[in-house]
Structures are given as structure tokens and as C-alpha cells.
Protein backbone atom coordinates (compact mmCIF):
# COMPACT_ATOMS: atom_id res chain seq x y z
CA UNK A 1 134.48 74.48 -118.63
CA UNK A 2 133.48 76.46 -121.70
CA UNK A 3 130.43 78.06 -120.12
CA UNK A 4 132.29 78.85 -116.91
CA UNK A 5 134.89 80.70 -118.99
CA UNK A 6 132.17 82.53 -120.90
CA UNK A 7 130.47 83.49 -117.64
CA UNK A 8 133.75 84.87 -116.27
CA UNK A 9 134.25 86.88 -119.45
CA UNK A 10 130.80 88.40 -118.99
CA UNK A 11 132.41 90.49 -116.20
CA UNK A 12 135.02 91.86 -118.60
CA UNK A 13 138.05 90.98 -120.72
CA UNK A 14 140.75 88.71 -119.27
CA UNK A 15 143.63 86.54 -120.38
CA UNK A 16 143.89 82.79 -119.87
CA UNK A 17 145.88 82.81 -116.64
CA UNK A 18 143.53 85.39 -115.07
CA UNK A 19 140.60 83.15 -115.98
CA UNK A 20 142.31 80.12 -114.41
CA UNK A 21 142.93 82.05 -111.18
CA UNK A 22 139.34 83.35 -111.13
CA UNK A 23 137.93 79.85 -111.64
CA UNK A 24 140.11 78.41 -108.87
CA UNK A 25 139.18 81.23 -106.49
CA UNK A 26 135.50 80.80 -107.22
CA UNK A 27 135.40 77.00 -106.99
CA UNK A 28 137.94 76.33 -104.24
CA UNK A 29 140.20 73.40 -103.48
CA UNK A 30 137.51 70.71 -103.80
CA UNK A 31 137.18 71.29 -107.52
CA UNK A 32 139.70 69.31 -109.58
CA UNK A 33 142.86 71.26 -110.47
CA UNK A 34 142.45 73.16 -113.71
CA UNK A 35 144.93 72.65 -116.50
CA UNK A 36 146.06 75.92 -118.07
CA UNK A 37 146.59 74.14 -121.40
CA UNK A 38 142.96 73.01 -121.39
CA UNK A 39 141.85 76.57 -120.67
CA UNK A 40 143.79 77.89 -123.67
CA UNK A 41 142.48 75.10 -125.92
CA UNK A 42 138.94 75.94 -124.81
CA UNK A 43 139.52 79.66 -125.40
CA UNK A 44 140.77 78.91 -128.93
CA UNK A 45 137.66 76.84 -129.63
CA UNK A 46 135.38 79.55 -128.23
CA UNK A 47 137.10 82.12 -130.40
CA UNK A 48 136.72 79.94 -133.51
CA UNK A 49 133.03 79.50 -132.64
CA UNK A 50 132.64 83.29 -132.55
CA UNK A 51 131.66 83.34 -128.87
CA UNK A 52 134.72 85.35 -127.77
CA UNK A 53 137.15 87.70 -129.45
CA UNK A 54 140.86 87.67 -128.71
CA UNK A 55 143.25 90.56 -128.88
CA UNK A 56 147.03 90.44 -128.53
CA UNK A 57 148.43 92.91 -125.99
CA UNK A 58 152.09 93.91 -126.21
CA UNK A 59 154.19 93.57 -123.06
CA UNK A 60 157.63 95.14 -122.59
CA UNK A 61 160.32 92.47 -122.52
CA UNK A 62 157.81 89.63 -122.51
CA UNK A 63 155.81 87.77 -125.12
CA UNK A 64 152.47 89.30 -126.05
CA UNK A 65 149.52 88.14 -124.05
CA UNK A 66 146.12 87.52 -125.54
CA UNK A 67 143.06 88.87 -123.78
CA UNK A 68 139.56 87.70 -124.56
CA UNK A 69 136.15 89.30 -124.40
CA UNK A 70 132.65 88.06 -125.06
CA UNK A 71 131.02 88.70 -128.41
CA UNK A 72 127.26 89.30 -128.65
CA UNK A 73 126.93 85.60 -129.59
CA UNK A 74 128.91 84.74 -126.43
CA UNK A 75 126.56 86.83 -124.27
CA UNK A 76 123.64 85.02 -125.86
CA UNK A 77 125.24 81.60 -125.25
CA UNK A 78 125.91 82.34 -121.55
CA UNK A 79 122.39 83.65 -121.09
CA UNK A 80 120.90 80.52 -122.71
CA UNK A 81 123.16 78.30 -120.57
CA UNK A 82 122.02 80.03 -117.39
CA UNK A 83 118.39 79.52 -118.33
CA UNK A 84 118.68 75.78 -119.06
CA UNK A 85 118.15 73.27 -116.26
CA UNK A 86 121.25 71.18 -115.58
CA UNK A 87 121.76 67.54 -116.53
CA UNK A 88 119.29 64.75 -116.09
CA UNK A 89 119.61 62.39 -113.14
CA UNK A 90 122.77 60.31 -113.32
CA UNK A 91 121.76 57.14 -115.14
CA UNK A 92 125.03 56.40 -116.95
CA UNK A 93 126.88 55.29 -113.88
CA UNK A 94 129.97 53.12 -114.34
CA UNK A 95 129.57 51.46 -110.95
CA UNK A 96 125.98 50.56 -111.77
CA UNK A 97 127.10 48.93 -115.02
CA UNK A 98 129.64 46.83 -113.09
CA UNK A 99 126.97 45.87 -110.57
CA UNK A 100 124.43 45.01 -113.26
CA UNK A 101 126.82 42.63 -115.03
CA UNK A 102 128.86 41.27 -112.12
CA UNK A 103 126.77 38.22 -111.29
CA UNK A 104 125.95 37.12 -114.86
CA UNK A 105 129.53 37.51 -116.02
CA UNK A 106 130.84 35.55 -113.07
CA UNK A 107 133.64 38.10 -112.83
CA UNK A 108 132.74 39.64 -109.46
CA UNK A 109 130.53 39.27 -106.42
CA UNK A 110 127.91 42.07 -106.42
CA UNK A 111 128.03 42.49 -102.63
CA UNK A 112 131.82 42.60 -102.78
CA UNK A 113 131.57 45.35 -105.40
CA UNK A 114 129.12 47.25 -103.20
CA UNK A 115 131.44 47.01 -100.19
CA UNK A 116 134.41 48.18 -102.24
CA UNK A 117 132.43 51.11 -103.63
CA UNK A 118 131.16 51.98 -100.14
CA UNK A 119 134.75 52.17 -98.85
CA UNK A 120 135.65 54.39 -101.80
CA UNK A 121 132.74 56.76 -101.10
CA UNK A 122 133.61 56.89 -97.39
CA UNK A 123 137.21 57.81 -98.24
CA UNK A 124 135.95 60.53 -100.57
CA UNK A 125 133.61 61.78 -97.87
CA UNK A 126 136.51 62.01 -95.39
CA UNK A 127 138.54 63.98 -97.96
CA UNK A 128 135.60 66.32 -98.55
CA UNK A 129 135.08 66.76 -94.82
CA UNK A 130 138.66 68.01 -94.48
CA UNK A 131 137.83 70.73 -97.00
CA UNK A 132 134.47 71.58 -95.40
CA UNK A 133 135.94 73.91 -92.80
CA UNK A 134 137.49 76.17 -95.42
CA UNK A 135 135.33 79.23 -95.91
CA UNK A 136 136.29 82.35 -97.70
CA UNK A 137 134.60 85.64 -96.72
CA UNK A 138 132.35 86.84 -99.51
CA UNK A 139 132.70 83.62 -101.54
CA UNK A 140 130.37 80.83 -100.36
CA UNK A 141 130.85 78.72 -103.50
CA UNK A 142 133.78 76.52 -102.39
CA UNK A 143 131.88 75.63 -99.19
CA UNK A 144 128.64 75.03 -101.13
CA UNK A 145 130.52 72.80 -103.60
CA UNK A 146 131.90 70.68 -100.75
CA UNK A 147 128.51 70.50 -99.01
CA UNK A 148 126.88 69.41 -102.27
CA UNK A 149 129.54 66.75 -102.85
CA UNK A 150 129.07 65.38 -99.31
CA UNK A 151 125.28 65.25 -99.76
CA UNK A 152 125.70 63.42 -103.09
CA UNK A 153 128.08 60.96 -101.46
CA UNK A 154 125.62 60.35 -98.63
CA UNK A 155 122.87 59.70 -101.19
CA UNK A 156 125.21 57.28 -103.00
CA UNK A 157 125.92 55.48 -99.72
CA UNK A 158 122.18 55.20 -99.03
CA UNK A 159 121.65 53.83 -102.52
CA UNK A 160 124.42 51.25 -102.03
CA UNK A 161 122.64 50.13 -98.86
CA UNK A 162 119.42 49.64 -100.83
CA UNK A 163 121.27 47.72 -103.55
CA UNK A 164 122.84 45.44 -100.97
CA UNK A 165 119.49 44.75 -99.30
CA UNK A 166 117.98 43.73 -102.65
CA UNK A 167 120.90 41.65 -103.87
CA UNK A 168 121.67 39.66 -100.72
């Protein structure tokens, strides 16, 4: 979340709740609900790291609000983040660990695990499909997020099929 917040602050100063609303608008309903407390904790850490600068703004009849802006180091960090390729292929997969140790441990049937995981992925795919029709003019990112999640789920389902063929 830290780089997403930094990227939002590249557009200009904002306070925590504005950043939460901007993230939710950009990412849509498919993205897990953001916790405002986590956003403020992250902003505090970014400020301590010198990547953002906070300033208290007085409000009449209300507590002060703190707005944040990027520092030059923050601009540099966002730029470096944008240039880096994203994570390596997913090799630390919890399901795979269960599958790898199921037979030897005698604790589960590998094919039973595969079938259970397949049902889980299909349920997730149905949930994603319900969100797929939501499109916001001028903001393709929620739709692209859902399409990407569905494609990943389909790839996971294909991989489960391959696992089942090899383990039966």
C-alpha cells in the first residue's frame, strides 16, 4: 500500500481519508476493503522514512487534519518503484505446500485437496464475475483488476487440472 499512497501523493497533497477514497475509487469493489487505520499507520511510517511531509491544517470546530505531500526522496522512491518489474512468479503458494506434503504426512488425500481448492477457485470466479459488469467511465482500472483476477483464477484451475492428472 505504501507505494500506492506515494503515487497518489505525486498528484498533490492530501489527507488520509482523501487517500483512502482515491484508492477505493481507483481500484474498485474487487480490491479488498482498505482500513483507514492501516493507511494512517503507513503514512506515519512514510513520514518517518522521509518520503512524505505532513502538515497540520486547522479546521473550525473540528480537530486539525494532517495533510501529506511527497518529499524529493518520495518522488524518487515512486519513480524507482514504477521502473521495477513486479514480483517473481508465485512460488510460495500455501496450497502447493499442502499438496506437496499431503500424501507423505497421511493427513489428506491430494486429489481431495485439489477438488476442494477447485471449488474454492470456482466460487471466487463467480464472485469476480458479478463484479465484472461494473465499469466506471474514465476509470478502467476496477474492470482491469477483475479481468486480471479472473484470468489468474482460470490459470489456477488449469494448473489444478494438470496436478490432478499427474497425481491420480
